[in-house]
Protein backbone atom coordinates (compact mmCIF):
# COMPACT_ATOMS: atom_id res chain seq x y z
CA UNK A 1 96.92 88.66 122.40
CA UNK A 2 99.83 87.68 120.17
CA UNK A 3 102.70 90.15 120.61
CA UNK A 4 103.19 90.19 116.83
CA UNK A 5 99.80 91.84 116.48
CA UNK A 6 100.02 94.21 119.43
CA UNK A 7 99.74 97.77 118.03
CA UNK A 8 102.85 99.08 119.77
CA UNK A 9 103.42 101.85 117.22
CA UNK A 10 99.92 103.21 117.78
CA UNK A 11 100.36 103.01 121.55
CA UNK A 12 103.63 104.95 121.35
CA UNK A 13 102.20 107.48 118.90
CA UNK A 14 99.02 108.22 120.82
CA UNK A 15 100.35 107.96 124.38
CA UNK A 16 101.12 111.71 124.47
CA UNK A 17 97.42 112.35 123.77
CA UNK A 18 96.61 110.57 127.03
CA UNK A 19 98.91 113.05 128.76
CA UNK A 20 97.07 115.90 127.04
CA UNK A 21 93.75 114.58 128.36
CA UNK A 22 95.19 114.37 131.88
CA UNK A 23 96.58 117.91 131.63
CA UNK A 24 93.18 119.14 130.39
CA UNK A 25 91.71 117.99 133.70
CA UNK A 26 94.21 120.00 135.77
CA UNK A 27 93.67 123.55 136.92
CA UNK A 28 95.82 125.82 134.76
CA UNK A 29 97.45 127.42 137.82
CA UNK A 30 98.98 124.15 139.03
CA UNK A 31 102.08 124.54 136.88
CA UNK A 32 104.24 121.99 138.67
CA UNK A 33 101.60 119.27 138.38
CA UNK A 34 101.15 120.07 134.68
CA UNK A 35 104.91 119.85 134.14
CA UNK A 36 105.12 116.54 135.99
CA UNK A 37 102.24 115.00 134.04
CA UNK A 38 103.81 116.11 130.74
CA UNK A 39 107.24 114.83 131.76
CA UNK A 40 105.97 111.49 133.03
CA UNK A 41 103.92 111.05 129.87
CA UNK A 42 106.98 111.69 127.72
CA UNK A 43 109.06 109.30 129.83
CA UNK A 44 106.33 106.66 129.53
CA UNK A 45 106.37 107.04 125.74
CA UNK A 46 110.14 106.58 125.77
CA UNK A 47 109.93 103.51 127.98
CA UNK A 48 107.21 101.98 125.79
CA UNK A 49 109.38 102.64 122.71
CA UNK A 50 112.43 100.82 124.13
CA UNK A 51 111.14 97.31 123.29
CA UNK A 52 111.18 98.36 119.64
CA UNK A 53 114.97 98.46 119.82
CA UNK A 54 115.34 95.13 121.56
CA UNK A 55 112.79 93.30 119.37
CA UNK A 56 113.88 94.84 116.07
CA UNK A 57 115.28 92.30 113.60
CA UNK A 58 118.19 93.97 111.83
CA UNK A 59 118.71 90.98 109.52
CA UNK A 60 115.70 91.80 107.34
CA UNK A 61 114.78 94.69 105.10
CA UNK A 62 111.05 94.27 105.77
CA UNK A 63 109.05 96.85 107.68
CA UNK A 64 108.49 95.71 111.24
CA UNK A 65 105.78 96.15 113.87
CA UNK A 66 103.40 96.75 110.96
CA UNK A 67 99.80 97.83 111.58
CA UNK A 68 97.69 97.85 108.44
CA UNK A 69 93.92 98.32 108.55
CA UNK A 70 91.45 100.03 106.18
CA UNK A 71 90.84 103.66 107.06
CA UNK A 72 89.01 105.36 104.18
CA UNK A 73 88.49 102.30 102.03
CA UNK A 74 86.53 103.96 99.20
CA UNK A 75 89.74 105.87 98.34
CA UNK A 76 92.16 103.06 99.17
CA UNK A 77 93.52 104.92 102.18
CA UNK A 78 94.79 102.72 104.98
CA UNK A 79 95.98 103.20 108.53
CA UNK A 80 99.38 101.69 107.71
CA UNK A 81 102.17 102.08 110.25
CA UNK A 82 105.54 100.38 110.46
CA UNK A 83 109.21 101.08 111.02
CA UNK A 84 112.52 100.28 109.38
CA UNK A 85 116.03 100.73 110.75
CA UNK A 86 116.06 104.50 110.22
CA UNK A 87 112.61 105.23 111.61
CA UNK A 88 113.36 102.98 114.60
CA UNK A 89 116.03 105.41 115.73
CA UNK A 90 113.90 108.43 114.86
CA UNK A 91 111.12 107.11 117.11
CA UNK A 92 113.57 106.43 119.95
CA UNK A 93 115.19 109.84 119.49
CA UNK A 94 111.84 111.63 119.41
CA UNK A 95 110.54 110.00 122.58
CA UNK A 96 113.83 110.62 124.40
CA UNK A 97 114.21 114.23 123.27
CA UNK A 98 110.57 115.04 124.06
CA UNK A 99 111.22 114.22 127.71
CA UNK A 100 114.42 116.29 127.61
CA UNK A 101 112.58 119.21 125.99
CA UNK A 102 110.09 119.23 128.83
CA UNK A 103 112.89 119.14 131.40
CA UNK A 104 114.86 121.88 129.65
CA UNK A 105 111.90 124.27 129.72
CA UNK A 106 110.87 123.44 133.30
CA UNK A 107 111.72 126.90 134.62
CA UNK A 108 112.09 128.76 131.30
CA UNK A 109 108.37 128.70 130.52
CA UNK A 110 106.46 130.45 133.29
CA UNK A 111 103.41 131.77 131.42
CA UNK A 112 101.02 129.56 129.53
CA UNK A 113 102.58 126.40 130.97
CA UNK A 114 99.49 124.32 130.26
CA UNK A 115 99.33 125.36 126.61
CA UNK A 116 103.05 124.85 126.17
CA UNK A 117 103.06 121.33 127.61
CA UNK A 118 99.97 120.38 125.60
CA UNK A 119 101.68 121.73 122.47
CA UNK A 120 104.85 119.74 123.14
CA UNK A 121 102.91 116.51 123.68
CA UNK A 122 100.79 117.16 120.58
CA UNK A 123 103.98 117.82 118.62
CA UNK A 124 105.41 114.52 119.87
CA UNK A 125 102.34 112.67 118.59
CA UNK A 126 102.70 114.32 115.18
CA UNK A 127 106.41 113.54 114.91
CA UNK A 128 105.97 109.93 115.94
CA UNK A 129 103.17 109.52 113.41
CA UNK A 130 105.33 110.99 110.66
CA UNK A 131 108.14 108.54 111.40
CA UNK A 132 105.82 105.50 111.51
CA UNK A 133 103.31 106.25 108.72
CA UNK A 134 103.54 104.06 105.63
CA UNK A 135 100.47 105.46 103.85
CA UNK A 136 100.94 108.81 102.13
CA UNK A 137 97.65 110.28 103.36
CA UNK A 138 98.37 109.15 106.92
CA UNK A 139 101.85 110.69 106.64
CA UNK A 140 100.32 113.94 105.41
CA UNK A 141 97.81 114.02 108.28
CA UNK A 142 100.56 113.54 110.85
CA UNK A 143 102.74 116.13 109.10
CA UNK A 144 99.96 118.70 109.33
CA UNK A 145 99.25 117.73 112.94
CA UNK A 146 102.91 118.42 113.67
CA UNK A 147 102.78 121.91 112.17
CA UNK A 148 99.95 123.17 114.40
CA UNK A 149 101.77 122.95 117.74
CA UNK A 150 105.01 124.17 116.13
CA UNK A 151 103.21 127.32 115.04
CA UNK A 152 102.02 127.98 118.59
CA UNK A 153 105.33 127.06 120.25
CA UNK A 154 107.24 129.41 117.96
CA UNK A 155 104.59 132.16 117.91
CA UNK A 156 103.85 132.27 121.64
CA UNK A 157 106.98 131.07 123.43
CA UNK A 158 109.61 131.92 120.80
CA UNK A 159 112.22 134.65 120.87
CA UNK A 160 111.95 138.37 120.15
CA UNK A 161 111.03 137.87 116.47
CA UNK A 162 108.69 134.97 117.14
CA UNK A 163 105.71 136.32 115.18
CA UNK A 164 107.88 136.79 112.09
CA UNK A 165 109.33 133.29 112.50
CA UNK A 166 105.89 131.72 112.97
CA UNK A 167 104.33 133.16 109.84
CA UNK A 168 107.28 133.09 107.42
């Protein structure tokens, strides 16, 4: 397959969902294994995103690594993904910080570890989709996908006023 047509943005965006599927198959009491799967999934997403930096052409203003296929054609909605110079660094930052977020909560989250790690990986998918989406409807879908795990992360594992913060 020609590397120009390889859907690298989709692979990076949906790779955390593979981690979620793996975590779903693990017994909820095996916290260390769940943490490791989540961390390795986030690291894999970061490693897969690194070629974006090295193959990015900074001499052009065109969107790069573009994926554009019909999605809901009767309304003119397309699955249109691509990155520019700003979103390139947002994708790299998101994949890097997702792995760090998992590491930073390794011992801080002791209850509901499975739900927390699934929420973080789901959040990563939403954020990556937001930074890569070039179609407004696709952007909106990813934006809403991002809000769901944020609600649970804040509402369940947040601080003392977490319920207030989650609903306000």
